[in-house]
Amino acid sequence: MTLDVESPAFERGEPIPARYTCDGKDVSPPLRWSGVPDSAVTLAVLAEDPDAPHGLWVHWVLYGLEAGRSGLPEGVPTREAVLDGALQGRNDFKKIGYGGPCPPAGQRHRYFFRVYALDGRPELGAAATRSELLSAIEGHVLAQGQLMGTYRRK
């Protein structure tokens, strides 16, 4: 099954406003999704840049969101526990929570915000990595969807 993922801050395939990047306030953008199966127990979110100079760069790892949620507000706090018990992992900036787009000057990168509907709660503590999350949810994904935005620094 596919989730429909969108943001009131930017359109699919369009530039992400500087507010959500290292050139702005570096806060997480608001996200909305629909199509979560009734049998889902939790949700997970990953934000990734596949165009980074040294390969995939992880910007956000969030898991344990209650399945009844239909989105995230702008500016999810950068601490381990958020939003009624959800946990945040470590991004490739070596920090907990969201770290916005920050590509080398002049290069346009793509940023994928992926949402996963899961049939259980990942058995992970806070500060898990992308790899640990993907390993924990393997075989438990009921539906997923993504939103891609771009960013280019001047």
N, C-alpha and C. Protein backbone atom coordinates (compact mmCIF):
# COMPACT_ATOMS: atom_id res chain seq x y z
N MET A 1 0.83 -1.18 0.00
CA MET A 1 0.00 0.00 0.00
C MET A 1 0.88 1.25 0.00
N THR A 2 0.33 2.32 -0.53
CA THR A 2 1.06 3.58 -0.63
C THR A 2 0.40 4.66 0.21
N LEU A 3 1.21 5.38 0.97
CA LEU A 3 0.75 6.54 1.72
C LEU A 3 0.93 7.77 0.85
N ASP A 4 0.03 8.72 0.96
CA ASP A 4 0.18 9.99 0.28
C ASP A 4 0.83 10.95 1.28
N VAL A 5 2.04 11.44 0.97
CA VAL A 5 2.79 12.32 1.86
C VAL A 5 2.92 13.68 1.20
N GLU A 6 2.64 14.73 1.96
CA GLU A 6 2.75 16.09 1.43
C GLU A 6 3.17 17.05 2.55
N SER A 7 3.45 18.28 2.16
CA SER A 7 3.80 19.32 3.13
C SER A 7 3.12 20.62 2.72
N PRO A 8 2.57 21.34 3.69
CA PRO A 8 2.04 22.67 3.36
C PRO A 8 3.16 23.68 3.08
N ALA A 9 4.41 23.30 3.34
CA ALA A 9 5.54 24.21 3.18
C ALA A 9 6.14 24.19 1.77
N PHE A 10 6.00 23.10 1.05
CA PHE A 10 6.55 23.01 -0.31
C PHE A 10 5.82 21.92 -1.09
N GLU A 11 5.80 22.11 -2.40
CA GLU A 11 5.14 21.17 -3.30
C GLU A 11 6.09 20.03 -3.66
N ARG A 12 5.53 18.90 -4.03
CA ARG A 12 6.30 17.73 -4.46
C ARG A 12 7.26 18.12 -5.59
N GLY A 13 8.55 17.82 -5.41
CA GLY A 13 9.55 18.09 -6.43
C GLY A 13 10.03 19.53 -6.50
N GLU A 14 9.49 20.38 -5.64
CA GLU A 14 9.84 21.80 -5.65
C GLU A 14 10.84 22.13 -4.55
N PRO A 15 11.42 23.34 -4.58
CA PRO A 15 12.39 23.73 -3.57
C PRO A 15 11.81 23.78 -2.15
N ILE A 16 12.62 23.33 -1.21
CA ILE A 16 12.29 23.41 0.21
C ILE A 16 12.67 24.82 0.67
N PRO A 17 11.77 25.54 1.34
CA PRO A 17 12.10 26.88 1.81
C PRO A 17 13.33 26.88 2.73
N ALA A 18 14.15 27.94 2.63
CA ALA A 18 15.38 28.05 3.42
C ALA A 18 15.13 27.91 4.92
N ARG A 19 13.95 28.26 5.39
CA ARG A 19 13.60 28.15 6.81
C ARG A 19 13.91 26.75 7.36
N TYR A 20 13.76 25.72 6.53
CA TYR A 20 13.90 24.32 6.96
C TYR A 20 15.30 23.77 6.67
N THR A 21 16.25 24.66 6.42
CA THR A 21 17.61 24.27 6.04
C THR A 21 18.65 24.91 6.97
N CYS A 22 19.90 24.56 6.74
CA CYS A 22 20.99 25.15 7.53
C CYS A 22 21.16 26.64 7.24
N ASP A 23 20.55 27.14 6.18
CA ASP A 23 20.62 28.56 5.86
C ASP A 23 19.51 29.35 6.54
N GLY A 24 18.60 28.65 7.20
CA GLY A 24 17.49 29.30 7.89
C GLY A 24 17.44 28.88 9.34
N LYS A 25 16.25 28.64 9.83
CA LYS A 25 16.07 28.23 11.24
C LYS A 25 16.41 26.77 11.47
N ASP A 26 16.54 25.99 10.39
CA ASP A 26 16.89 24.57 10.47
C ASP A 26 15.89 23.79 11.33
N VAL A 27 14.61 24.10 11.15
CA VAL A 27 13.54 23.36 11.84
C VAL A 27 12.90 22.39 10.85
N SER A 28 12.33 21.33 11.36
CA SER A 28 11.69 20.34 10.49
C SER A 28 10.44 20.94 9.85
N PRO A 29 10.19 20.61 8.59
CA PRO A 29 9.00 21.11 7.92
C PRO A 29 7.75 20.36 8.40
N PRO A 30 6.60 21.00 8.30
CA PRO A 30 5.37 20.29 8.61
C PRO A 30 5.12 19.23 7.53
N LEU A 31 4.64 18.07 7.94
CA LEU A 31 4.31 17.00 7.00
C LEU A 31 2.89 16.53 7.27
N ARG A 32 2.22 16.06 6.22
CA ARG A 32 0.90 15.44 6.35
C ARG A 32 0.89 14.17 5.52
N TRP A 33 0.12 13.20 5.97
CA TRP A 33 -0.01 11.97 5.20
C TRP A 33 -1.41 11.40 5.37
N SER A 34 -1.76 10.54 4.43
CA SER A 34 -3.05 9.85 4.48
C SER A 34 -2.86 8.46 3.90
N GLY A 35 -3.84 7.59 4.15
CA GLY A 35 -3.79 6.24 3.63
C GLY A 35 -3.20 5.23 4.59
N VAL A 36 -3.07 5.59 5.87
CA VAL A 36 -2.52 4.66 6.86
C VAL A 36 -3.51 3.52 7.06
N PRO A 37 -3.07 2.27 6.89
CA PRO A 37 -3.98 1.13 7.09
C PRO A 37 -4.51 1.09 8.53
N ASP A 38 -5.72 0.61 8.69
CA ASP A 38 -6.34 0.49 10.02
C ASP A 38 -5.53 -0.41 10.94
N SER A 39 -4.82 -1.37 10.37
CA SER A 39 -4.06 -2.31 11.19
C SER A 39 -2.69 -1.77 11.63
N ALA A 40 -2.33 -0.58 11.18
CA ALA A 40 -1.04 0.00 11.57
C ALA A 40 -1.04 0.32 13.06
N VAL A 41 0.12 0.14 13.69
CA VAL A 41 0.29 0.42 15.12
C VAL A 41 1.12 1.69 15.32
N THR A 42 2.19 1.82 14.56
CA THR A 42 3.04 3.01 14.65
C THR A 42 3.49 3.45 13.27
N LEU A 43 4.12 4.61 13.25
CA LEU A 43 4.67 5.20 12.03
C LEU A 43 6.14 5.55 12.27
N ALA A 44 6.90 5.57 11.20
CA ALA A 44 8.29 6.01 11.25
C ALA A 44 8.54 6.97 10.10
N VAL A 45 9.49 7.88 10.30
CA VAL A 45 9.83 8.88 9.28
C VAL A 45 11.34 8.90 9.11
N LEU A 46 11.77 8.91 7.86
CA LEU A 46 13.18 9.11 7.51
C LEU A 46 13.26 10.28 6.53
N ALA A 47 14.28 11.11 6.67
CA ALA A 47 14.58 12.14 5.67
C ALA A 47 16.01 11.91 5.22
N GLU A 48 16.19 11.84 3.89
CA GLU A 48 17.49 11.44 3.34
C GLU A 48 17.82 12.23 2.08
N ASP A 49 19.12 12.44 1.88
CA ASP A 49 19.66 13.09 0.68
C ASP A 49 20.51 12.07 -0.07
N PRO A 50 20.02 11.53 -1.20
CA PRO A 50 20.82 10.56 -1.94
C PRO A 50 21.89 11.21 -2.81
N ASP A 51 21.91 12.55 -2.88
CA ASP A 51 22.85 13.25 -3.76
C ASP A 51 24.07 13.78 -3.02
N ALA A 52 24.22 13.45 -1.76
CA ALA A 52 25.35 13.93 -0.97
C ALA A 52 26.67 13.47 -1.60
N PRO A 53 27.73 14.27 -1.47
CA PRO A 53 29.01 13.93 -2.11
C PRO A 53 29.57 12.56 -1.74
N HIS A 54 29.32 12.09 -0.53
CA HIS A 54 29.88 10.80 -0.11
C HIS A 54 28.81 9.73 0.03
N GLY A 55 27.71 9.86 -0.70
CA GLY A 55 26.63 8.88 -0.65
C GLY A 55 25.47 9.37 0.20
N LEU A 56 24.53 8.51 0.43
CA LEU A 56 23.30 8.85 1.15
C LEU A 56 23.61 9.56 2.48
N TRP A 57 22.92 10.69 2.72
CA TRP A 57 23.09 11.45 3.96
C TRP A 57 21.74 11.46 4.68
N VAL A 58 21.75 11.04 5.92
CA VAL A 58 20.52 10.94 6.72
C VAL A 58 20.29 12.24 7.49
N HIS A 59 19.11 12.83 7.29
CA HIS A 59 18.76 14.09 7.94
C HIS A 59 17.81 13.92 9.11
N TRP A 60 17.09 12.79 9.16
CA TRP A 60 16.09 12.64 10.24
C TRP A 60 15.73 11.18 10.38
N VAL A 61 15.64 10.72 11.62
CA VAL A 61 15.18 9.37 11.96
C VAL A 61 14.19 9.55 13.10
N LEU A 62 12.93 9.19 12.86
CA LEU A 62 11.85 9.35 13.84
C LEU A 62 11.00 8.10 13.81
N TYR A 63 10.69 7.53 14.97
CA TYR A 63 9.94 6.27 15.01
C TYR A 63 9.10 6.16 16.28
N GLY A 64 8.12 5.28 16.23
CA GLY A 64 7.23 5.10 17.37
C GLY A 64 6.10 6.10 17.42
N LEU A 65 5.83 6.79 16.31
CA LEU A 65 4.69 7.70 16.25
C LEU A 65 3.41 6.87 16.27
N GLU A 66 2.42 7.31 17.00
CA GLU A 66 1.14 6.61 17.02
C GLU A 66 0.52 6.63 15.63
N ALA A 67 -0.04 5.51 15.21
CA ALA A 67 -0.57 5.37 13.85
C ALA A 67 -1.76 6.28 13.56
N GLY A 68 -2.41 6.78 14.59
CA GLY A 68 -3.54 7.69 14.39
C GLY A 68 -3.13 9.09 13.96
N ARG A 69 -1.85 9.38 14.01
CA ARG A 69 -1.36 10.69 13.58
C ARG A 69 -1.50 10.85 12.08
N SER A 70 -1.87 12.04 11.65
CA SER A 70 -1.98 12.30 10.21
C SER A 70 -0.93 13.30 9.75
N GLY A 71 0.03 13.60 10.62
CA GLY A 71 1.09 14.51 10.21
C GLY A 71 1.96 14.92 11.36
N LEU A 72 2.90 15.80 11.04
CA LEU A 72 3.83 16.35 12.02
C LEU A 72 3.79 17.87 11.92
N PRO A 73 3.89 18.55 13.05
CA PRO A 73 3.94 20.01 13.00
C PRO A 73 5.32 20.48 12.57
N GLU A 74 5.42 21.73 12.22
CA GLU A 74 6.72 22.34 11.97
C GLU A 74 7.52 22.35 13.26
N GLY A 75 8.81 22.15 13.14
CA GLY A 75 9.69 22.32 14.28
C GLY A 75 9.59 21.27 15.36
N VAL A 76 9.58 19.99 14.99
CA VAL A 76 9.62 18.94 16.01
C VAL A 76 10.90 19.16 16.82
N PRO A 77 10.81 19.22 18.16
CA PRO A 77 12.00 19.49 18.98
C PRO A 77 13.11 18.47 18.73
N THR A 78 14.35 18.92 18.82
CA THR A 78 15.50 18.04 18.59
C THR A 78 15.94 17.42 19.91
N ARG A 79 15.12 16.54 20.41
CA ARG A 79 15.43 15.77 21.61
C ARG A 79 14.98 14.33 21.37
N GLU A 80 15.39 13.42 22.22
CA GLU A 80 15.13 11.99 21.99
C GLU A 80 13.64 11.65 21.99
N ALA A 81 12.90 12.03 23.02
CA ALA A 81 11.48 11.69 23.12
C ALA A 81 10.63 12.90 22.74
N VAL A 82 9.70 12.68 21.82
CA VAL A 82 8.83 13.75 21.33
C VAL A 82 7.43 13.20 21.06
N LEU A 83 6.47 14.09 20.94
CA LEU A 83 5.15 13.75 20.42
C LEU A 83 4.53 12.51 21.07
N ASP A 84 4.32 12.57 22.35
CA ASP A 84 3.64 11.49 23.07
C ASP A 84 4.35 10.14 23.00
N GLY A 85 5.66 10.16 23.12
CA GLY A 85 6.39 8.89 23.21
C GLY A 85 7.14 8.45 21.99
N ALA A 86 7.06 9.18 20.90
CA ALA A 86 7.87 8.84 19.73
C ALA A 86 9.33 9.13 20.06
N LEU A 87 10.23 8.44 19.38
CA LEU A 87 11.65 8.61 19.62
C LEU A 87 12.35 9.10 18.36
N GLN A 88 13.42 9.84 18.56
CA GLN A 88 14.22 10.30 17.43
C GLN A 88 15.59 9.67 17.48
N GLY A 89 16.08 9.39 16.29
CA GLY A 89 17.39 8.78 16.16
C GLY A 89 18.45 9.81 15.84
N ARG A 90 19.63 9.28 15.58
CA ARG A 90 20.81 10.10 15.28
C ARG A 90 20.92 10.26 13.76
N ASN A 91 21.06 11.52 13.34
CA ASN A 91 21.24 11.79 11.91
C ASN A 91 22.73 11.78 11.57
N ASP A 92 23.04 12.03 10.31
CA ASP A 92 24.45 11.99 9.89
C ASP A 92 25.24 13.23 10.28
N PHE A 93 24.57 14.21 10.92
CA PHE A 93 25.26 15.33 11.54
C PHE A 93 25.72 14.93 12.95
N LYS A 94 25.42 13.67 13.32
CA LYS A 94 25.74 13.12 14.66
C LYS A 94 24.92 13.79 15.75
N LYS A 95 23.69 14.22 15.39
CA LYS A 95 22.80 14.87 16.34
C LYS A 95 21.47 14.14 16.37
N ILE A 96 20.73 14.34 17.45
CA ILE A 96 19.39 13.77 17.59
C ILE A 96 18.39 14.68 16.91
N GLY A 97 17.45 14.08 16.18
CA GLY A 97 16.38 14.84 15.55
C GLY A 97 16.72 15.30 14.15
N TYR A 98 16.01 16.32 13.73
CA TYR A 98 16.10 16.82 12.36
C TYR A 98 17.31 17.72 12.16
N GLY A 99 17.99 17.52 11.04
CA GLY A 99 19.04 18.41 10.57
C GLY A 99 18.73 18.71 9.12
N GLY A 100 18.49 19.94 8.79
CA GLY A 100 18.00 20.30 7.47
C GLY A 100 19.01 20.22 6.34
N PRO A 101 18.52 20.39 5.12
CA PRO A 101 19.37 20.38 3.95
C PRO A 101 20.51 21.40 4.08
N CYS A 102 21.70 20.98 3.64
CA CYS A 102 22.88 21.84 3.73
C CYS A 102 23.90 21.38 2.69
N PRO A 103 23.49 21.33 1.40
CA PRO A 103 24.40 20.81 0.38
C PRO A 103 25.53 21.79 0.07
N PRO A 104 26.56 21.32 -0.59
CA PRO A 104 27.62 22.24 -1.03
C PRO A 104 27.03 23.34 -1.91
N ALA A 105 27.58 24.54 -1.82
CA ALA A 105 27.08 25.69 -2.58
C ALA A 105 26.98 25.37 -4.06
N GLY A 106 25.88 25.80 -4.66
CA GLY A 106 25.68 25.65 -6.09
C GLY A 106 25.09 24.33 -6.54
N GLN A 107 25.07 23.33 -5.68
CA GLN A 107 24.55 22.02 -6.07
C GLN A 107 23.10 21.85 -5.61
N ARG A 108 22.27 21.38 -6.53
CA ARG A 108 20.86 21.09 -6.21
C ARG A 108 20.78 19.65 -5.76
N HIS A 109 20.27 19.43 -4.55
CA HIS A 109 20.11 18.07 -4.03
C HIS A 109 18.62 17.77 -3.84
N ARG A 110 18.32 16.49 -3.87
CA ARG A 110 16.96 16.01 -3.61
C ARG A 110 16.90 15.50 -2.17
N TYR A 111 15.75 15.77 -1.53
CA TYR A 111 15.54 15.34 -0.14
C TYR A 111 14.23 14.56 -0.09
N PHE A 112 14.33 13.32 0.37
CA PHE A 112 13.17 12.43 0.44
C PHE A 112 12.71 12.30 1.88
N PHE A 113 11.46 12.64 2.12
CA PHE A 113 10.81 12.45 3.41
C PHE A 113 9.95 11.20 3.26
N ARG A 114 10.36 10.11 3.90
CA ARG A 114 9.68 8.82 3.76
C ARG A 114 8.91 8.51 5.03
N VAL A 115 7.67 8.08 4.87
CA VAL A 115 6.82 7.71 6.00
C VAL A 115 6.45 6.25 5.86
N TYR A 116 6.60 5.50 6.95
CA TYR A 116 6.32 4.07 6.98
C TYR A 116 5.21 3.79 7.99
N ALA A 117 4.19 3.03 7.59
CA ALA A 117 3.16 2.54 8.51
C ALA A 117 3.56 1.12 8.90
N LEU A 118 3.64 0.87 10.20
CA LEU A 118 4.17 -0.40 10.71
C LEU A 118 3.13 -1.18 11.49
N ASP A 119 3.30 -2.50 11.51
CA ASP A 119 2.36 -3.37 12.22
C ASP A 119 2.72 -3.55 13.70
N GLY A 120 3.71 -2.82 14.17
CA GLY A 120 4.12 -2.90 15.57
C GLY A 120 4.98 -1.71 15.93
N ARG A 121 5.61 -1.79 17.07
CA ARG A 121 6.50 -0.73 17.56
C ARG A 121 7.94 -1.24 17.45
N PRO A 122 8.80 -0.52 16.74
CA PRO A 122 10.19 -0.98 16.63
C PRO A 122 10.82 -1.11 18.02
N GLU A 123 11.53 -2.20 18.23
CA GLU A 123 12.19 -2.42 19.51
C GLU A 123 13.55 -1.73 19.50
N LEU A 124 13.49 -0.41 19.63
CA LEU A 124 14.69 0.43 19.59
C LEU A 124 14.60 1.47 20.69
N GLY A 125 15.72 1.77 21.27
CA GLY A 125 15.79 2.90 22.18
C GLY A 125 15.98 4.17 21.37
N ALA A 126 16.12 5.28 22.06
CA ALA A 126 16.38 6.55 21.38
C ALA A 126 17.77 6.50 20.75
N ALA A 127 17.99 7.39 19.81
CA ALA A 127 19.27 7.60 19.14
C ALA A 127 19.63 6.49 18.16
N ALA A 128 18.65 5.72 17.68
CA ALA A 128 18.93 4.69 16.68
C ALA A 128 19.33 5.34 15.36
N THR A 129 20.09 4.63 14.59
CA THR A 129 20.50 5.10 13.27
C THR A 129 19.49 4.66 12.22
N ARG A 130 19.63 5.18 11.03
CA ARG A 130 18.79 4.77 9.90
C ARG A 130 18.89 3.26 9.70
N SER A 131 20.11 2.75 9.70
CA SER A 131 20.32 1.32 9.47
C SER A 131 19.64 0.48 10.55
N GLU A 132 19.75 0.91 11.79
CA GLU A 132 19.10 0.17 12.89
C GLU A 132 17.59 0.21 12.74
N LEU A 133 17.05 1.36 12.35
CA LEU A 133 15.60 1.46 12.16
C LEU A 133 15.16 0.55 11.01
N LEU A 134 15.83 0.63 9.88
CA LEU A 134 15.43 -0.19 8.73
C LEU A 134 15.51 -1.68 9.06
N SER A 135 16.50 -2.07 9.82
CA SER A 135 16.61 -3.47 10.24
C SER A 135 15.44 -3.86 11.15
N ALA A 136 15.09 -2.97 12.08
CA ALA A 136 14.01 -3.26 13.03
C ALA A 136 12.63 -3.32 12.37
N ILE A 137 12.43 -2.57 11.28
CA ILE A 137 11.10 -2.56 10.65
C ILE A 137 10.99 -3.52 9.48
N GLU A 138 12.07 -4.18 9.13
CA GLU A 138 12.03 -5.14 8.02
C GLU A 138 10.95 -6.19 8.30
N GLY A 139 10.07 -6.39 7.33
CA GLY A 139 8.98 -7.35 7.47
C GLY A 139 7.78 -6.82 8.23
N HIS A 140 7.82 -5.54 8.65
CA HIS A 140 6.73 -4.95 9.44
C HIS A 140 6.09 -3.74 8.76
N VAL A 141 6.50 -3.44 7.54
CA VAL A 141 5.98 -2.28 6.82
C VAL A 141 4.67 -2.65 6.12
N LEU A 142 3.59 -1.98 6.50
CA LEU A 142 2.28 -2.21 5.89
C LEU A 142 2.05 -1.29 4.70
N ALA A 143 2.60 -0.09 4.78
CA ALA A 143 2.45 0.89 3.70
C ALA A 143 3.57 1.91 3.86
N GLN A 144 3.90 2.57 2.77
CA GLN A 144 4.90 3.63 2.83
C GLN A 144 4.64 4.64 1.73
N GLY A 145 5.18 5.81 1.92
CA GLY A 145 5.05 6.87 0.93
C GLY A 145 6.18 7.85 1.12
N GLN A 146 6.33 8.76 0.16
CA GLN A 146 7.41 9.72 0.25
C GLN A 146 7.04 11.04 -0.41
N LEU A 147 7.73 12.06 0.03
CA LEU A 147 7.65 13.39 -0.54
C LEU A 147 9.08 13.81 -0.84
N MET A 148 9.32 14.29 -2.05
CA MET A 148 10.66 14.75 -2.41
C MET A 148 10.62 16.25 -2.65
N GLY A 149 11.56 16.95 -2.02
CA GLY A 149 11.78 18.37 -2.25
C GLY A 149 13.23 18.58 -2.61
N THR A 150 13.56 19.73 -3.11
CA THR A 150 14.95 20.01 -3.50
C THR A 150 15.47 21.22 -2.74
N TYR A 151 16.79 21.36 -2.73
CA TYR A 151 17.39 22.55 -2.14
C TYR A 151 18.74 22.79 -2.81
N ARG A 152 19.02 24.08 -3.07
CA ARG A 152 20.30 24.50 -3.63
C ARG A 152 20.75 25.73 -2.85
N ARG A 153 21.97 25.66 -2.34
CA ARG A 153 22.55 26.82 -1.65
C ARG A 153 23.20 27.72 -2.67
N LYS A 154 23.20 29.00 -2.39
CA LYS A 154 23.81 29.97 -3.31
C LYS A 154 25.31 30.00 -3.16
